[in-house]
Amino acid sequence: MTYLGVNGKFSDSENAHVNLLGSRQLQTRVGVQAKAQFSLYKNIAIEPFAAVNALYHNKPFGVEMDGERRVINNKTAIESQLGVAVKIKSHLTLQATFNRQTGKHHQAKQGALNLQWTF
């Protein structure tokens, strides 16, 4: 469970009043993850993984600008994630992930490339 407590009230560069709708709520995430680990050389290990999650929000998200409301009535969504982590040395890991969320009126895609140095 994650508490989404951002209270977004601000004005943009043209002095339009912007208000985020659906803040101060709980997000629930339930899912499964599968991964495997393979060794290539002495110190190099590859770990591919896949995950599928079901997301639930108790309130819909949206935005209000100068009194006009746009609400994404999307309380539930499915999230899928694919990735691979490569452990180059005992202290150096490179990870690439691709994430996609799909709901009734919403779709989002995201990718990330991470380099982790442990000391």
PDB file of N, CA and C in Angstrom:
ATOM      1  N   MET A   1       0.845  -1.174   0.000  1.00  0.00           N
ATOM      2  CA  MET A   1       0.000   0.000   0.000  1.00  0.00           C
ATOM      3  C   MET A   1       0.894   1.240   0.000  1.00  0.00           C
ATOM      4  N   THR A   2       0.477   2.232  -0.763  1.00  0.00           N
ATOM      5  CA  THR A   2       1.207   3.493  -0.860  1.00  0.00           C
ATOM      6  C   THR A   2       0.234   4.636  -0.621  1.00  0.00           C
ATOM      7  N   TYR A   3       0.621   5.575   0.231  1.00  0.00           N
ATOM      8  CA  TYR A   3      -0.197   6.762   0.463  1.00  0.00           C
ATOM      9  C   TYR A   3       0.232   7.846  -0.515  1.00  0.00           C
ATOM     10  N   LEU A   4      -0.701   8.329  -1.323  1.00  0.00           N
ATOM     11  CA  LEU A   4      -0.441   9.381  -2.303  1.00  0.00           C
ATOM     12  C   LEU A   4      -0.938  10.693  -1.717  1.00  0.00           C
ATOM     13  N   GLY A   5      -0.056  11.421  -1.063  1.00  0.00           N
ATOM     14  CA  GLY A   5      -0.458  12.607  -0.322  1.00  0.00           C
ATOM     15  C   GLY A   5      -0.058  13.922  -0.936  1.00  0.00           C
ATOM     16  N   VAL A   6       0.185  13.961  -2.236  1.00  0.00           N
ATOM     17  CA  VAL A   6       0.573  15.217  -2.882  1.00  0.00           C
ATOM     18  C   VAL A   6      -0.650  16.123  -2.979  1.00  0.00           C
ATOM     19  N   ASN A   7      -0.511  17.345  -2.499  1.00  0.00           N
ATOM     20  CA  ASN A   7      -1.586  18.326  -2.602  1.00  0.00           C
ATOM     21  C   ASN A   7      -1.122  19.387  -3.584  1.00  0.00           C
ATOM     22  N   GLY A   8      -1.531  19.268  -4.832  1.00  0.00           N
ATOM     23  CA  GLY A   8      -1.019  20.142  -5.883  1.00  0.00           C
ATOM     24  C   GLY A   8      -1.929  21.305  -6.184  1.00  0.00           C
ATOM     25  N   LYS A   9      -1.699  22.423  -5.541  1.00  0.00           N
ATOM     26  CA  LYS A   9      -2.410  23.663  -5.851  1.00  0.00           C
ATOM     27  C   LYS A   9      -1.361  24.691  -6.220  1.00  0.00           C
ATOM     28  N   PHE A  10      -1.415  25.166  -7.476  1.00  0.00           N
ATOM     29  CA  PHE A  10      -0.435  26.149  -7.917  1.00  0.00           C
ATOM     30  C   PHE A  10      -1.008  26.923  -9.088  1.00  0.00           C
ATOM     31  N   SER A  11      -0.281  27.930  -9.527  1.00  0.00           N
ATOM     32  CA  SER A  11      -0.646  28.726 -10.700  1.00  0.00           C
ATOM     33  C   SER A  11       0.444  28.562 -11.746  1.00  0.00           C
ATOM     34  N   ASP A  12       0.031  28.440 -13.019  1.00  0.00           N
ATOM     35  CA  ASP A  12       1.028  28.283 -14.077  1.00  0.00           C
ATOM     36  C   ASP A  12       1.534  29.648 -14.534  1.00  0.00           C
ATOM     37  N   SER A  13       2.317  29.680 -15.608  1.00  0.00           N
ATOM     38  CA  SER A  13       2.947  30.926 -16.067  1.00  0.00           C
ATOM     39  C   SER A  13       1.939  31.955 -16.566  1.00  0.00           C
ATOM     40  N   GLU A  14       0.725  31.515 -16.913  1.00  0.00           N
ATOM     41  CA  GLU A  14      -0.321  32.444 -17.365  1.00  0.00           C
ATOM     42  C   GLU A  14      -1.338  32.719 -16.268  1.00  0.00           C
ATOM     43  N   ASN A  15      -0.978  32.450 -15.005  1.00  0.00           N
ATOM     44  CA  ASN A  15      -1.809  32.654 -13.815  1.00  0.00           C
ATOM     45  C   ASN A  15      -3.101  31.849 -13.818  1.00  0.00           C
ATOM     46  N   ALA A  16      -3.123  30.724 -14.520  1.00  0.00           N
ATOM     47  CA  ALA A  16      -4.262  29.807 -14.433  1.00  0.00           C
ATOM     48  C   ALA A  16      -4.102  28.994 -13.153  1.00  0.00           C
ATOM     49  N   HIS A  17      -5.172  28.896 -12.371  1.00  0.00           N
ATOM     50  CA  HIS A  17      -5.134  28.147 -11.120  1.00  0.00           C
ATOM     51  C   HIS A  17      -5.289  26.660 -11.427  1.00  0.00           C
ATOM     52  N   VAL A  18      -4.318  25.873 -10.977  1.00  0.00           N
ATOM     53  CA  VAL A  18      -4.279  24.437 -11.239  1.00  0.00           C
ATOM     54  C   VAL A  18      -4.417  23.701  -9.912  1.00  0.00           C
ATOM     55  N   ASN A  19      -5.312  22.707  -9.874  1.00  0.00           N
ATOM     56  CA  ASN A  19      -5.554  21.919  -8.678  1.00  0.00           C
ATOM     57  C   ASN A  19      -5.566  20.444  -9.072  1.00  0.00           C
ATOM     58  N   LEU A  20      -4.751  19.631  -8.409  1.00  0.00           N
ATOM     59  CA  LEU A  20      -4.750  18.196  -8.666  1.00  0.00           C
ATOM     60  C   LEU A  20      -5.888  17.548  -7.895  1.00  0.00           C
ATOM     61  N   LEU A  21      -6.646  16.692  -8.560  1.00  0.00           N
ATOM     62  CA  LEU A  21      -7.767  15.985  -7.943  1.00  0.00           C
ATOM     63  C   LEU A  21      -7.356  14.543  -7.653  1.00  0.00           C
ATOM     64  N   GLY A  22      -7.836  13.999  -6.558  1.00  0.00           N
ATOM     65  CA  GLY A  22      -7.536  12.611  -6.215  1.00  0.00           C
ATOM     66  C   GLY A  22      -6.321  12.434  -5.334  1.00  0.00           C
ATOM     67  N   SER A  23      -5.822  13.515  -4.749  1.00  0.00           N
ATOM     68  CA  SER A  23      -4.694  13.368  -3.828  1.00  0.00           C
ATOM     69  C   SER A  23      -5.210  12.899  -2.469  1.00  0.00           C
ATOM     70  N   ARG A  24      -4.292  12.570  -1.607  1.00  0.00           N
ATOM     71  CA  ARG A  24      -4.592  12.055  -0.271  1.00  0.00           C
ATOM     72  C   ARG A  24      -5.450  10.783  -0.346  1.00  0.00           C
ATOM     73  N   GLN A  25      -4.872   9.758  -0.956  1.00  0.00           N
ATOM     74  CA  GLN A  25      -5.562   8.481  -1.073  1.00  0.00           C
ATOM     75  C   GLN A  25      -4.561   7.335  -0.996  1.00  0.00           C
ATOM     76  N   LEU A  26      -5.078   6.121  -0.893  1.00  0.00           N
ATOM     77  CA  LEU A  26      -4.239   4.931  -0.836  1.00  0.00           C
ATOM     78  C   LEU A  26      -4.216   4.235  -2.191  1.00  0.00           C
ATOM     79  N   GLN A  27      -3.036   3.753  -2.567  1.00  0.00           N
ATOM     80  CA  GLN A  27      -2.881   2.932  -3.765  1.00  0.00           C
ATOM     81  C   GLN A  27      -2.505   1.528  -3.300  1.00  0.00           C
ATOM     82  N   THR A  28      -3.225   0.530  -3.789  1.00  0.00           N
ATOM     83  CA  THR A  28      -2.947  -0.860  -3.460  1.00  0.00           C
ATOM     84  C   THR A  28      -2.373  -1.542  -4.692  1.00  0.00           C
ATOM     85  N   ARG A  29      -1.325  -2.331  -4.492  1.00  0.00           N
ATOM     86  CA  ARG A  29      -0.654  -3.030  -5.599  1.00  0.00           C
ATOM     87  C   ARG A  29      -0.463  -4.492  -5.187  1.00  0.00           C
ATOM     88  N   VAL A  30      -0.973  -5.412  -6.027  1.00  0.00           N
ATOM     89  CA  VAL A  30      -0.828  -6.846  -5.796  1.00  0.00           C
ATOM     90  C   VAL A  30      -0.352  -7.471  -7.095  1.00  0.00           C
ATOM     91  N   GLY A  31       0.647  -8.361  -7.022  1.00  0.00           N
ATOM     92  CA  GLY A  31       1.128  -8.953  -8.260  1.00  0.00           C
ATOM     93  C   GLY A  31       2.083 -10.107  -8.053  1.00  0.00           C
ATOM     94  N   VAL A  32       2.633 -10.553  -9.183  1.00  0.00           N
ATOM     95  CA  VAL A  32       3.592 -11.652  -9.182  1.00  0.00           C
ATOM     96  C   VAL A  32       4.824 -11.235  -9.973  1.00  0.00           C
ATOM     97  N   GLN A  33       5.960 -11.847  -9.624  1.00  0.00           N
ATOM     98  CA  GLN A  33       7.212 -11.568 -10.325  1.00  0.00           C
ATOM     99  C   GLN A  33       7.948 -12.883 -10.549  1.00  0.00           C
ATOM    100  N   ALA A  34       8.529 -13.021 -11.733  1.00  0.00           N
ATOM    101  CA  ALA A  34       9.350 -14.192 -12.058  1.00  0.00           C
ATOM    102  C   ALA A  34      10.719 -13.705 -12.505  1.00  0.00           C
ATOM    103  N   LYS A  35      11.763 -14.396 -12.060  1.00  0.00           N
ATOM    104  CA  LYS A  35      13.108 -14.020 -12.479  1.00  0.00           C
ATOM    105  C   LYS A  35      13.990 -15.259 -12.509  1.00  0.00           C
ATOM    106  N   ALA A  36      15.071 -15.155 -13.253  1.00  0.00           N
ATOM    107  CA  ALA A  36      16.049 -16.234 -13.371  1.00  0.00           C
ATOM    108  C   ALA A  36      17.434 -15.612 -13.302  1.00  0.00           C
ATOM    109  N   GLN A  37      18.438 -16.431 -13.030  1.00  0.00           N
ATOM    110  CA  GLN A  37      19.805 -15.917 -12.959  1.00  0.00           C
ATOM    111  C   GLN A  37      20.731 -16.851 -13.731  1.00  0.00           C
ATOM    112  N   PHE A  38      21.553 -16.242 -14.601  1.00  0.00           N
ATOM    113  CA  PHE A  38      22.508 -16.982 -15.417  1.00  0.00           C
ATOM    114  C   PHE A  38      23.891 -16.383 -15.224  1.00  0.00           C
ATOM    115  N   SER A  39      24.902 -17.229 -15.186  1.00  0.00           N
ATOM    116  CA  SER A  39      26.284 -16.757 -15.090  1.00  0.00           C
ATOM    117  C   SER A  39      26.957 -16.908 -16.443  1.00  0.00           C
ATOM    118  N   LEU A  40      27.601 -15.833 -16.913  1.00  0.00           N
ATOM    119  CA  LEU A  40      28.302 -15.883 -18.190  1.00  0.00           C
ATOM    120  C   LEU A  40      29.781 -16.163 -17.998  1.00  0.00           C
ATOM    121  N   TYR A  41      30.433 -15.319 -17.245  1.00  0.00           N
ATOM    122  CA  TYR A  41      31.858 -15.460 -16.977  1.00  0.00           C
ATOM    123  C   TYR A  41      32.047 -15.536 -15.479  1.00  0.00           C
ATOM    124  N   LYS A  42      33.250 -15.344 -15.024  1.00  0.00           N
ATOM    125  CA  LYS A  42      33.551 -15.456 -13.596  1.00  0.00           C
ATOM    126  C   LYS A  42      32.721 -14.496 -12.752  1.00  0.00           C
ATOM    127  N   ASN A  43      32.704 -13.223 -13.138  1.00  0.00           N
ATOM    128  CA  ASN A  43      32.059 -12.206 -12.309  1.00  0.00           C
ATOM    129  C   ASN A  43      30.778 -11.645 -12.914  1.00  0.00           C
ATOM    130  N   ILE A  44      30.378 -12.082 -14.107  1.00  0.00           N
ATOM    131  CA  ILE A  44      29.219 -11.494 -14.783  1.00  0.00           C
ATOM    132  C   ILE A  44      28.010 -12.411 -14.635  1.00  0.00           C
ATOM    133  N   ALA A  45      26.908 -11.855 -14.099  1.00  0.00           N
ATOM    134  CA  ALA A  45      25.655 -12.591 -13.939  1.00  0.00           C
ATOM    135  C   ALA A  45      24.530 -11.788 -14.580  1.00  0.00           C
ATOM    136  N   ILE A  46      23.640 -12.468 -15.296  1.00  0.00           N
ATOM    137  CA  ILE A  46      22.486 -11.831 -15.942  1.00  0.00           C
ATOM    138  C   ILE A  46      21.225 -12.332 -15.253  1.00  0.00           C
ATOM    139  N   GLU A  47      20.334 -11.377 -14.905  1.00  0.00           N
ATOM    140  CA  GLU A  47      19.087 -11.720 -14.230  1.00  0.00           C
ATOM    141  C   GLU A  47      17.900 -11.072 -14.950  1.00  0.00           C
ATOM    142  N   PRO A  48      17.256 -11.773 -15.901  1.00  0.00           N
ATOM    143  CA  PRO A  48      16.044 -11.236 -16.522  1.00  0.00           C
ATOM    144  C   PRO A  48      14.851 -11.410 -15.575  1.00  0.00           C
ATOM    145  N   PHE A  49      13.877 -10.499 -15.673  1.00  0.00           N
ATOM    146  CA  PHE A  49      12.701 -10.602 -14.813  1.00  0.00           C
ATOM    147  C   PHE A  49      11.467 -10.057 -15.524  1.00  0.00           C
ATOM    148  N   ALA A  50      10.311 -10.509 -15.071  1.00  0.00           N
ATOM    149  CA  ALA A  50       9.016 -10.033 -15.563  1.00  0.00           C
ATOM    150  C   ALA A  50       8.072  -9.956 -14.370  1.00  0.00           C
ATOM    151  N   ALA A  51       7.211  -8.943 -14.364  1.00  0.00           N
ATOM    152  CA  ALA A  51       6.262  -8.766 -13.267  1.00  0.00           C
ATOM    153  C   ALA A  51       4.932  -8.272 -13.817  1.00  0.00           C
ATOM    154  N   VAL A  52       3.848  -8.681 -13.168  1.00  0.00           N
ATOM    155  CA  VAL A  52       2.502  -8.208 -13.497  1.00  0.00           C
ATOM    156  C   VAL A  52       1.835  -7.824 -12.185  1.00  0.00           C
ATOM    157  N   ASN A  53       1.276  -6.608 -12.132  1.00  0.00           N
ATOM    158  CA  ASN A  53       0.624  -6.103 -10.925  1.00  0.00           C
ATOM    159  C   ASN A  53      -0.767  -5.585 -11.258  1.00  0.00           C
ATOM    160  N   ALA A  54      -1.663  -5.702 -10.297  1.00  0.00           N
ATOM    161  CA  ALA A  54      -2.976  -5.062 -10.367  1.00  0.00           C
ATOM    162  C   ALA A  54      -2.939  -3.871  -9.412  1.00  0.00           C
ATOM    163  N   LEU A  55      -3.313  -2.687  -9.914  1.00  0.00           N
ATOM    164  CA  LEU A  55      -3.309  -1.459  -9.115  1.00  0.00           C
ATOM    165  C   LEU A  55      -4.740  -1.026  -8.832  1.00  0.00           C
ATOM    166  N   TYR A  56      -4.969  -0.507  -7.631  1.00  0.00           N
ATOM    167  CA  TYR A  56      -6.291   0.005  -7.272  1.00  0.00           C
ATOM    168  C   TYR A  56      -6.128   1.322  -6.522  1.00  0.00           C
ATOM    169  N   HIS A  57      -6.887   2.341  -6.944  1.00  0.00           N
ATOM    170  CA  HIS A  57      -6.968   3.631  -6.248  1.00  0.00           C
ATOM    171  C   HIS A  57      -8.395   3.782  -5.737  1.00  0.00           C
ATOM    172  N   ASN A  58      -8.563   4.301  -4.523  1.00  0.00           N
ATOM    173  CA  ASN A  58      -9.915   4.458  -4.000  1.00  0.00           C
ATOM    174  C   ASN A  58     -10.612   5.715  -4.512  1.00  0.00           C
ATOM    175  N   LYS A  59      -9.891   6.624  -5.196  1.00  0.00           N
ATOM    176  CA  LYS A  59     -10.484   7.818  -5.815  1.00  0.00           C
ATOM    177  C   LYS A  59      -9.900   7.987  -7.216  1.00  0.00           C
ATOM    178  N   PRO A  60     -10.665   8.535  -8.155  1.00  0.00           N
ATOM    179  CA  PRO A  60     -10.100   8.792  -9.488  1.00  0.00           C
ATOM    180  C   PRO A  60      -9.163   9.996  -9.469  1.00  0.00           C
ATOM    181  N   PHE A  61      -8.219  10.025 -10.409  1.00  0.00           N
ATOM    182  CA  PHE A  61      -7.281  11.130 -10.555  1.00  0.00           C
ATOM    183  C   PHE A  61      -7.804  12.132 -11.573  1.00  0.00           C
ATOM    184  N   GLY A  62      -7.335  13.376 -11.451  1.00  0.00           N
ATOM    185  CA  GLY A  62      -7.694  14.389 -12.430  1.00  0.00           C
ATOM    186  C   GLY A  62      -7.013  15.709 -12.135  1.00  0.00           C
ATOM    187  N   VAL A  63      -7.365  16.702 -12.933  1.00  0.00           N
ATOM    188  CA  VAL A  63      -6.820  18.042 -12.768  1.00  0.00           C
ATOM    189  C   VAL A  63      -7.943  19.045 -13.005  1.00  0.00           C
ATOM    190  N   GLU A  64      -7.873  20.167 -12.299  1.00  0.00           N
ATOM    191  CA  GLU A  64      -8.829  21.260 -12.466  1.00  0.00           C
ATOM    192  C   GLU A  64      -8.035  22.517 -12.789  1.00  0.00           C
ATOM    193  N   MET A  65      -8.378  23.159 -13.919  1.00  0.00           N
ATOM    194  CA  MET A  65      -7.702  24.393 -14.331  1.00  0.00           C
ATOM    195  C   MET A  65      -8.749  25.476 -14.534  1.00  0.00           C
ATOM    196  N   ASP A  66      -8.671  26.517 -13.717  1.00  0.00           N
ATOM    197  CA  ASP A  66      -9.621  27.636 -13.763  1.00  0.00           C
ATOM    198  C   ASP A  66     -11.070  27.161 -13.765  1.00  0.00           C
ATOM    199  N   GLY A  67     -11.389  26.186 -12.921  1.00  0.00           N
ATOM    200  CA  GLY A  67     -12.752  25.707 -12.773  1.00  0.00           C
ATOM    201  C   GLY A  67     -13.154  24.600 -13.732  1.00  0.00           C
ATOM    202  N   GLU A  68     -12.359  24.300 -14.743  1.00  0.00           N
ATOM    203  CA  GLU A  68     -12.673  23.219 -15.683  1.00  0.00           C
ATOM    204  C   GLU A  68     -11.987  21.938 -15.215  1.00  0.00           C
ATOM    205  N   ARG A  69     -12.789  20.878 -15.031  1.00  0.00           N
ATOM    206  CA  ARG A  69     -12.267  19.618 -14.500  1.00  0.00           C
ATOM    207  C   ARG A  69     -12.062  18.587 -15.607  1.00  0.00           C
ATOM    208  N   ARG A  70     -10.923  17.881 -15.528  1.00  0.00           N
ATOM    209  CA  ARG A  70     -10.630  16.728 -16.392  1.00  0.00           C
ATOM    210  C   ARG A  70     -10.272  15.580 -15.449  1.00  0.00           C
ATOM    211  N   VAL A  71     -11.138  14.577 -15.388  1.00  0.00           N
ATOM    212  CA  VAL A  71     -10.945  13.464 -14.464  1.00  0.00           C
ATOM    213  C   VAL A  71     -10.748  12.178 -15.260  1.00  0.00           C
ATOM    214  N   ILE A  72      -9.703  11.437 -14.916  1.00  0.00           N
ATOM    215  CA  ILE A  72      -9.493  10.102 -15.474  1.00  0.00           C
ATOM    216  C   ILE A  72     -10.152   9.135 -14.500  1.00  0.00           C
ATOM    217  N   ASN A  73     -11.300   8.601 -14.877  1.00  0.00           N
ATOM    218  CA  ASN A  73     -12.033   7.691 -14.000  1.00  0.00           C
ATOM    219  C   ASN A  73     -11.386   6.313 -14.100  1.00  0.00           C
ATOM    220  N   ASN A  74     -10.244   6.191 -13.479  1.00  0.00           N
ATOM    221  CA  ASN A  74      -9.411   5.010 -13.642  1.00  0.00           C
ATOM    222  C   ASN A  74      -8.988   4.497 -12.273  1.00  0.00           C
ATOM    223  N   LYS A  75      -9.889   3.826 -11.588  1.00  0.00           N
ATOM    224  CA  LYS A  75      -9.558   3.326 -10.260  1.00  0.00           C
ATOM    225  C   LYS A  75      -8.716   2.054 -10.308  1.00  0.00           C
ATOM    226  N   THR A  76      -8.813   1.289 -11.402  1.00  0.00           N
ATOM    227  CA  THR A  76      -8.039   0.056 -11.519  1.00  0.00           C
ATOM    228  C   THR A  76      -7.162   0.104 -12.763  1.00  0.00           C
ATOM    229  N   ALA A  77      -6.020  -0.551 -12.683  1.00  0.00           N
ATOM    230  CA  ALA A  77      -5.096  -0.619 -13.820  1.00  0.00           C
ATOM    231  C   ALA A  77      -4.263  -1.891 -13.695  1.00  0.00           C
ATOM    232  N   ILE A  78      -3.735  -2.318 -14.826  1.00  0.00           N
ATOM    233  CA  ILE A  78      -2.811  -3.448 -14.875  1.00  0.00           C
ATOM    234  C   ILE A  78      -1.436  -2.896 -15.238  1.00  0.00           C
ATOM    235  N   GLU A  79      -0.430  -3.323 -14.515  1.00  0.00           N
ATOM    236  CA  GLU A  79       0.937  -2.879 -14.758  1.00  0.00           C
ATOM    237  C   GLU A  79       1.788  -4.095 -15.115  1.00  0.00           C
ATOM    238  N   SER A  80       2.540  -3.993 -16.202  1.00  0.00           N
ATOM    239  CA  SER A  80       3.466  -5.061 -16.577  1.00  0.00           C
ATOM    240  C   SER A  80       4.867  -4.473 -16.682  1.00  0.00           C
ATOM    241  N   GLN A  81       5.847  -5.265 -16.303  1.00  0.00           N
ATOM    242  CA  GLN A  81       7.231  -4.790 -16.286  1.00  0.00           C
ATOM    243  C   GLN A  81       8.148  -5.907 -16.773  1.00  0.00           C
ATOM    244  N   LEU A  82       9.045  -5.542 -17.686  1.00  0.00           N
ATOM    245  CA  LEU A  82      10.082  -6.447 -18.182  1.00  0.00           C
ATOM    246  C   LEU A  82      11.430  -5.791 -17.941  1.00  0.00           C
ATOM    247  N   GLY A  83      12.433  -6.592 -17.638  1.00  0.00           N
ATOM    248  CA  GLY A  83      13.745  -6.000 -17.427  1.00  0.00           C
ATOM    249  C   GLY A  83      14.835  -7.034 -17.333  1.00  0.00           C
ATOM    250  N   VAL A  84      16.044  -6.519 -17.291  1.00  0.00           N
ATOM    251  CA  VAL A  84      17.214  -7.371 -17.127  1.00  0.00           C
ATOM    252  C   VAL A  84      18.247  -6.613 -16.294  1.00  0.00           C
ATOM    253  N   ALA A  85      18.871  -7.329 -15.371  1.00  0.00           N
ATOM    254  CA  ALA A  85      19.945  -6.770 -14.555  1.00  0.00           C
ATOM    255  C   ALA A  85      21.218  -7.550 -14.866  1.00  0.00           C
ATOM    256  N   VAL A  86      22.296  -6.829 -15.075  1.00  0.00           N
ATOM    257  CA  VAL A  86      23.591  -7.446 -15.366  1.00  0.00           C
ATOM    258  C   VAL A  86      24.556  -7.039 -14.256  1.00  0.00           C
ATOM    259  N   LYS A  87      24.997  -8.018 -13.490  1.00  0.00           N
ATOM    260  CA  LYS A  87      25.968  -7.762 -12.423  1.00  0.00           C
ATOM    261  C   LYS A  87      27.355  -7.947 -13.025  1.00  0.00           C
ATOM    262  N   ILE A  88      28.040  -6.829 -13.278  1.00  0.00           N
ATOM    263  CA  ILE A  88      29.322  -6.840 -13.968  1.00  0.00           C
ATOM    264  C   ILE A  88      30.447  -7.244 -13.023  1.00  0.00           C
ATOM    265  N   LYS A  89      30.449  -6.673 -11.843  1.00  0.00           N
ATOM    266  CA  LYS A  89      31.397  -7.035 -10.782  1.00  0.00           C
ATOM    267  C   LYS A  89      30.599  -7.124  -9.493  1.00  0.00           C
ATOM    268  N   SER A  90      31.234  -7.480  -8.413  1.00  0.00           N
ATOM    269  CA  SER A  90      30.510  -7.634  -7.151  1.00  0.00           C
ATOM    270  C   SER A  90      29.908  -6.321  -6.674  1.00  0.00           C
ATOM    271  N   HIS A  91      30.411  -5.191  -7.144  1.00  0.00           N
ATOM    272  CA  HIS A  91      29.931  -3.886  -6.695  1.00  0.00           C
ATOM    273  C   HIS A  91      29.296  -3.051  -7.817  1.00  0.00           C
ATOM    274  N   LEU A  92      29.191  -3.590  -9.036  1.00  0.00           N
ATOM    275  CA  LEU A  92      28.695  -2.816 -10.178  1.00  0.00           C
ATOM    276  C   LEU A  92      27.573  -3.573 -10.891  1.00  0.00           C
ATOM    277  N   THR A  93      26.371  -2.955 -10.973  1.00  0.00           N
ATOM    278  CA  THR A  93      25.203  -3.572 -11.607  1.00  0.00           C
ATOM    279  C   THR A  93      24.578  -2.590 -12.585  1.00  0.00           C
ATOM    280  N   LEU A  94      24.230  -3.082 -13.772  1.00  0.00           N
ATOM    281  CA  LEU A  94      23.526  -2.312 -14.797  1.00  0.00           C
ATOM    282  C   LEU A  94      22.152  -2.934 -14.975  1.00  0.00           C
ATOM    283  N   GLN A  95      21.082  -2.104 -14.940  1.00  0.00           N
ATOM    284  CA  GLN A  95      19.722  -2.616 -15.033  1.00  0.00           C
ATOM    285  C   GLN A  95      18.928  -1.802 -16.045  1.00  0.00           C
ATOM    286  N   ALA A  96      18.170  -2.497 -16.906  1.00  0.00           N
ATOM    287  CA  ALA A  96      17.273  -1.859 -17.870  1.00  0.00           C
ATOM    288  C   ALA A  96      15.869  -2.407 -17.643  1.00  0.00           C
ATOM    289  N   THR A  97      14.865  -1.504 -17.565  1.00  0.00           N
ATOM    290  CA  THR A  97      13.483  -1.930 -17.342  1.00  0.00           C
ATOM    291  C   THR A  97      12.542  -1.194 -18.283  1.00  0.00           C
ATOM    292  N   PHE A  98      11.432  -1.846 -18.600  1.00  0.00           N
ATOM    293  CA  PHE A  98      10.340  -1.249 -19.365  1.00  0.00           C
ATOM    294  C   PHE A  98       9.057  -1.526 -18.605  1.00  0.00           C
ATOM    295  N   ASN A  99       8.266  -0.489 -18.370  1.00  0.00           N
ATOM    296  CA  ASN A  99       7.059  -0.576 -17.561  1.00  0.00           C
ATOM    297  C   ASN A  99       5.878  -0.040 -18.362  1.00  0.00           C
ATOM    298  N   ARG A 100       4.730  -0.718 -18.293  1.00  0.00           N
ATOM    299  CA  ARG A 100       3.519  -0.262 -18.985  1.00  0.00           C
ATOM    300  C   ARG A 100       2.329  -0.415 -18.051  1.00  0.00           C
ATOM    301  N   GLN A 101       1.546   0.670 -17.918  1.00  0.00           N
ATOM    302  CA  GLN A 101       0.300   0.643 -17.148  1.00  0.00           C
ATOM    303  C   GLN A 101      -0.861   0.863 -18.106  1.00  0.00           C
ATOM    304  N   THR A 102      -1.881   0.019 -17.987  1.00  0.00           N
ATOM    305  CA  THR A 102      -3.057   0.117 -18.840  1.00  0.00           C
ATOM    306  C   THR A 102      -4.296   0.070 -17.962  1.00  0.00           C
ATOM    307  N   GLY A 103      -5.174   1.050 -18.142  1.00  0.00           N
ATOM    308  CA  GLY A 103      -6.431   1.094 -17.423  1.00  0.00           C
ATOM    309  C   GLY A 103      -7.577   1.354 -18.382  1.00  0.00           C
ATOM    310  N   LYS A 104      -8.742   1.635 -17.823  1.00  0.00           N
ATOM    311  CA  LYS A 104      -9.941   1.845 -18.633  1.00  0.00           C
ATOM    312  C   LYS A 104      -9.797   3.046 -19.566  1.00  0.00           C
ATOM    313  N   HIS A 105      -9.301   4.161 -19.063  1.00  0.00           N
ATOM    314  CA  HIS A 105      -9.151   5.385 -19.860  1.00  0.00           C
ATOM    315  C   HIS A 105      -7.720   5.910 -19.814  1.00  0.00           C
ATOM    316  N   HIS A 106      -6.753   5.032 -19.627  1.00  0.00           N
ATOM    317  CA  HIS A 106      -5.396   5.507 -19.364  1.00  0.00           C
ATOM    318  C   HIS A 106      -4.378   4.487 -19.856  1.00  0.00           C
ATOM    319  N   GLN A 107      -3.286   4.989 -20.402  1.00  0.00           N
ATOM    320  CA  GLN A 107      -2.169   4.129 -20.790  1.00  0.00           C
ATOM    321  C   GLN A 107      -0.883   4.916 -20.601  1.00  0.00           C
ATOM    322  N   ALA A 108       0.108   4.298 -19.979  1.00  0.00           N
ATOM    323  CA  ALA A 108       1.391   4.965 -19.743  1.00  0.00           C
ATOM    324  C   ALA A 108       2.516   3.970 -19.973  1.00  0.00           C
ATOM    325  N   LYS A 109       3.598   4.462 -20.562  1.00  0.00           N
ATOM    326  CA  LYS A 109       4.789   3.642 -20.801  1.00  0.00           C
ATOM    327  C   LYS A 109       5.990   4.358 -20.204  1.00  0.00           C
ATOM    328  N   GLN A 110       6.931   3.569 -19.695  1.00  0.00           N
ATOM    329  CA  GLN A 110       8.103   4.150 -19.052  1.00  0.00           C
ATOM    330  C   GLN A 110       9.272   3.188 -19.190  1.00  0.00           C
ATOM    331  N   GLY A 111      10.440   3.726 -19.417  1.00  0.00           N
ATOM    332  CA  GLY A 111      11.654   2.923 -19.477  1.00  0.00           C
ATOM    333  C   GLY A 111      12.710   3.536 -18.582  1.00  0.00           C
ATOM    334  N   ALA A 112      13.624   2.708 -18.112  1.00  0.00           N
ATOM    335  CA  ALA A 112      14.683   3.213 -17.233  1.00  0.00           C
ATOM    336  C   ALA A 112      15.958   2.409 -17.454  1.00  0.00           C
ATOM    337  N   LEU A 113      17.069   3.096 -17.299  1.00  0.00           N
ATOM    338  CA  LEU A 113      18.390   2.482 -17.359  1.00  0.00           C
ATOM    339  C   LEU A 113      19.132   2.926 -16.102  1.00  0.00           C
ATOM    340  N   ASN A 114      19.514   1.982 -15.259  1.00  0.00           N
ATOM    341  CA  ASN A 114      20.139   2.290 -13.971  1.00  0.00           C
ATOM    342  C   ASN A 114      21.533   1.689 -13.895  1.00  0.00           C
ATOM    343  N   LEU A 115      22.445   2.427 -13.323  1.00  0.00           N
ATOM    344  CA  LEU A 115      23.792   1.951 -13.038  1.00  0.00           C
ATOM    345  C   LEU A 115      24.004   2.085 -11.533  1.00  0.00           C
ATOM    346  N   GLN A 116      24.280   0.969 -10.871  1.00  0.00           N
ATOM    347  CA  GLN A 116      24.420   0.970  -9.414  1.00  0.00           C
ATOM    348  C   GLN A 116      25.841   0.578  -9.030  1.00  0.00           C
ATOM    349  N   TRP A 117      26.466   1.424  -8.233  1.00  0.00           N
ATOM    350  CA  TRP A 117      27.810   1.182  -7.714  1.00  0.00           C
ATOM    351  C   TRP A 117      27.673   1.038  -6.205  1.00  0.00           C
ATOM    352  N   THR A 118      27.943  -0.138  -5.688  1.00  0.00           N
ATOM    353  CA  THR A 118      27.811  -0.402  -4.260  1.00  0.00           C
ATOM    354  C   THR A 118      29.177  -0.295  -3.597  1.00  0.00           C
ATOM    355  N   PHE A 119      29.226   0.476  -2.509  1.00  0.00           N
ATOM    356  CA  PHE A 119      30.495   0.612  -1.789  1.00  0.00           C
ATOM    357  C   PHE A 119      30.268   0.480  -0.309  1.00  0.00           C
TER     358      PHE A 119
END
